[in-house]
Protein backbone atom coordinates (compact mmCIF):
# COMPACT_ATOMS: atom_id res chain seq x y z
CA MET A 1 0.06 -0.03 -0.05
CA SER A 2 1.17 3.37 -0.74
CA ALA A 3 2.23 5.75 2.15
CA HIS A 4 0.46 8.48 0.33
CA ARG A 5 -3.36 8.72 0.81
CA CYS A 6 -3.85 11.34 -2.31
CA CYS A 7 -5.36 8.21 -4.15
CA GLU A 8 -7.41 5.75 -2.18
CA VAL A 9 -9.25 3.00 -3.58
CA ALA A 10 -12.99 3.20 -2.34
CA ALA A 11 -15.54 0.21 -2.87
CA ASN A 12 -18.99 1.10 -3.44
CA GLY A 13 -22.06 -1.21 -2.62
CA SER A 14 -22.01 -2.92 -5.80
CA GLY A 15 -18.54 -4.46 -5.23
CA ARG A 16 -16.76 -2.43 -7.79
CA LYS A 17 -13.95 -0.31 -6.74
CA THR A 18 -13.19 3.09 -7.82
CA ILE A 19 -10.31 5.68 -7.29
CA VAL A 20 -11.35 8.54 -5.71
CA ALA A 21 -8.96 11.48 -5.40
CA ARG A 22 -8.87 13.26 -2.21
CA THR A 23 -6.57 16.29 -0.56
CA ALA A 24 -4.17 15.74 2.05
CA ASP A 25 -6.89 16.05 4.81
CA CYS A 26 -8.64 13.29 3.05
CA ARG A 27 -11.55 15.49 1.85
CA PRO A 28 -12.88 15.01 -1.86
CA LYS A 29 -11.32 18.08 -3.94
CA ALA A 30 -13.57 20.91 -4.43
CA ILE A 31 -14.11 22.48 -7.93
CA THR A 32 -12.79 25.90 -7.83
CA PHE A 33 -14.57 29.00 -9.01
CA ALA A 34 -11.98 29.19 -11.94
CA ARG A 35 -12.54 25.77 -13.17
CA ARG A 36 -16.32 26.34 -13.10
CA CYS A 37 -15.95 29.54 -15.41
CA LEU A 38 -13.66 27.48 -17.72
CA ASP A 39 -16.35 24.75 -17.89
CA ILE A 40 -18.83 27.37 -18.87
CA VAL A 41 -16.50 29.21 -21.41
CA GLU A 42 -15.65 25.77 -22.98
CA TRP A 43 -19.41 25.46 -23.91
CA LEU A 44 -20.09 29.09 -25.00
CA ILE A 45 -17.40 29.64 -27.56
CA PRO A 46 -18.28 27.18 -29.98
CA GLY A 47 -21.99 27.36 -29.20
CA ALA A 48 -21.54 31.15 -29.78
CA VAL A 49 -19.77 30.69 -33.23
CA LEU A 50 -22.30 28.27 -34.58
CA ALA A 51 -25.29 30.42 -33.41
CA LEU A 52 -23.79 33.71 -34.92
CA LEU A 53 -22.35 32.12 -38.17
CA PRO A 54 -24.51 32.77 -41.03
CA LYS A 55 -25.73 29.93 -42.83
CA CYS A 56 -25.58 31.22 -46.48
CA PRO A 57 -21.95 31.53 -47.61
CA ALA A 58 -22.73 34.68 -49.39
CA CYS A 59 -23.65 36.11 -46.13
CA LEU A 60 -20.28 34.95 -44.73
CA ALA A 61 -18.42 36.67 -47.58
CA VAL A 62 -20.21 39.91 -47.17
CA TYR A 63 -19.53 40.01 -43.31
CA ILE A 64 -16.02 39.02 -43.85
CA ALA A 65 -15.82 42.02 -46.51
CA PHE A 66 -17.67 44.38 -44.12
CA TRP A 67 -15.46 43.90 -40.84
CA THR A 68 -11.80 43.04 -42.61
CA GLY A 69 -12.18 44.71 -46.17
CA VAL A 70 -11.00 41.51 -47.71
CA GLY A 71 -13.27 40.23 -50.65
CA LEU A 72 -14.11 36.55 -50.74
CA SER A 73 -15.64 34.52 -53.35
CA THR A 74 -18.76 32.40 -52.59
CA THR A 75 -16.79 29.29 -53.10
CA THR A 76 -14.03 30.22 -50.33
CA ALA A 77 -16.65 31.53 -48.15
CA ALA A 78 -18.57 28.02 -48.26
CA TYR A 79 -15.10 26.28 -47.44
CA LEU A 80 -14.33 28.83 -44.67
CA ARG A 81 -17.64 28.09 -43.43
CA MET A 82 -17.26 24.47 -42.96
CA LEU A 83 -13.83 24.95 -41.63
CA LEU A 84 -15.61 26.86 -38.72
CA VAL A 85 -18.41 24.46 -38.70
CA ILE A 86 -16.73 20.93 -38.14
CA PRO A 87 -14.33 22.12 -35.24
CA CYS A 88 -17.22 23.63 -33.57
CA VAL A 89 -19.39 20.75 -33.70
CA ALA A 90 -16.59 18.28 -32.83
CA SER A 91 -15.72 20.22 -29.88
CA LEU A 92 -19.30 20.34 -28.58
CA ALA A 93 -19.55 16.42 -29.43
CA TYR A 94 -16.22 16.15 -27.17
CA LEU A 95 -17.59 18.34 -24.63
CA ALA A 96 -21.00 16.35 -24.34
CA ALA A 97 -19.32 12.93 -24.29
CA ARG A 98 -17.07 14.22 -21.38
CA LEU A 99 -20.13 15.47 -19.40
CA ALA A 100 -21.74 11.97 -20.18
CA TRP A 101 -18.63 10.11 -18.78
CA ARG A 102 -18.40 12.24 -15.73
CA PHE A 103 -22.19 11.87 -14.91
CA ARG A 104 -22.14 8.19 -15.46
CA HIS A 105 -19.08 7.68 -13.07
CA ARG A 106 -20.66 10.05 -10.58
CA VAL A 107 -23.86 7.98 -10.70
CA ALA A 108 -21.74 4.69 -10.10
CA ALA A 109 -19.61 6.00 -7.48
CA GLN A 110 -22.82 6.75 -5.41
């Protein structure tokens, strides 16, 4: 057995053992305010990009031309739009899977 008590094996009623992270005085780690804010921002950024992104590639080309002065063709704007949509959807899917994983382990630990 380890001399450190920071990672103990806790058994729940189902006979399965789970590793529980604890602080030096054997209390569960509390989620800090900064971590909660970061979790919110992780969801907010890709969601806001998807919400504010125009569905029409021509509208995206006009917005880019208006804000930057750079003119884009409709084809280039369509590719740029897809380059924005794919990472946003992928990051939201990752965040949803991570949230489901945490929830599953939290329910299993109780």
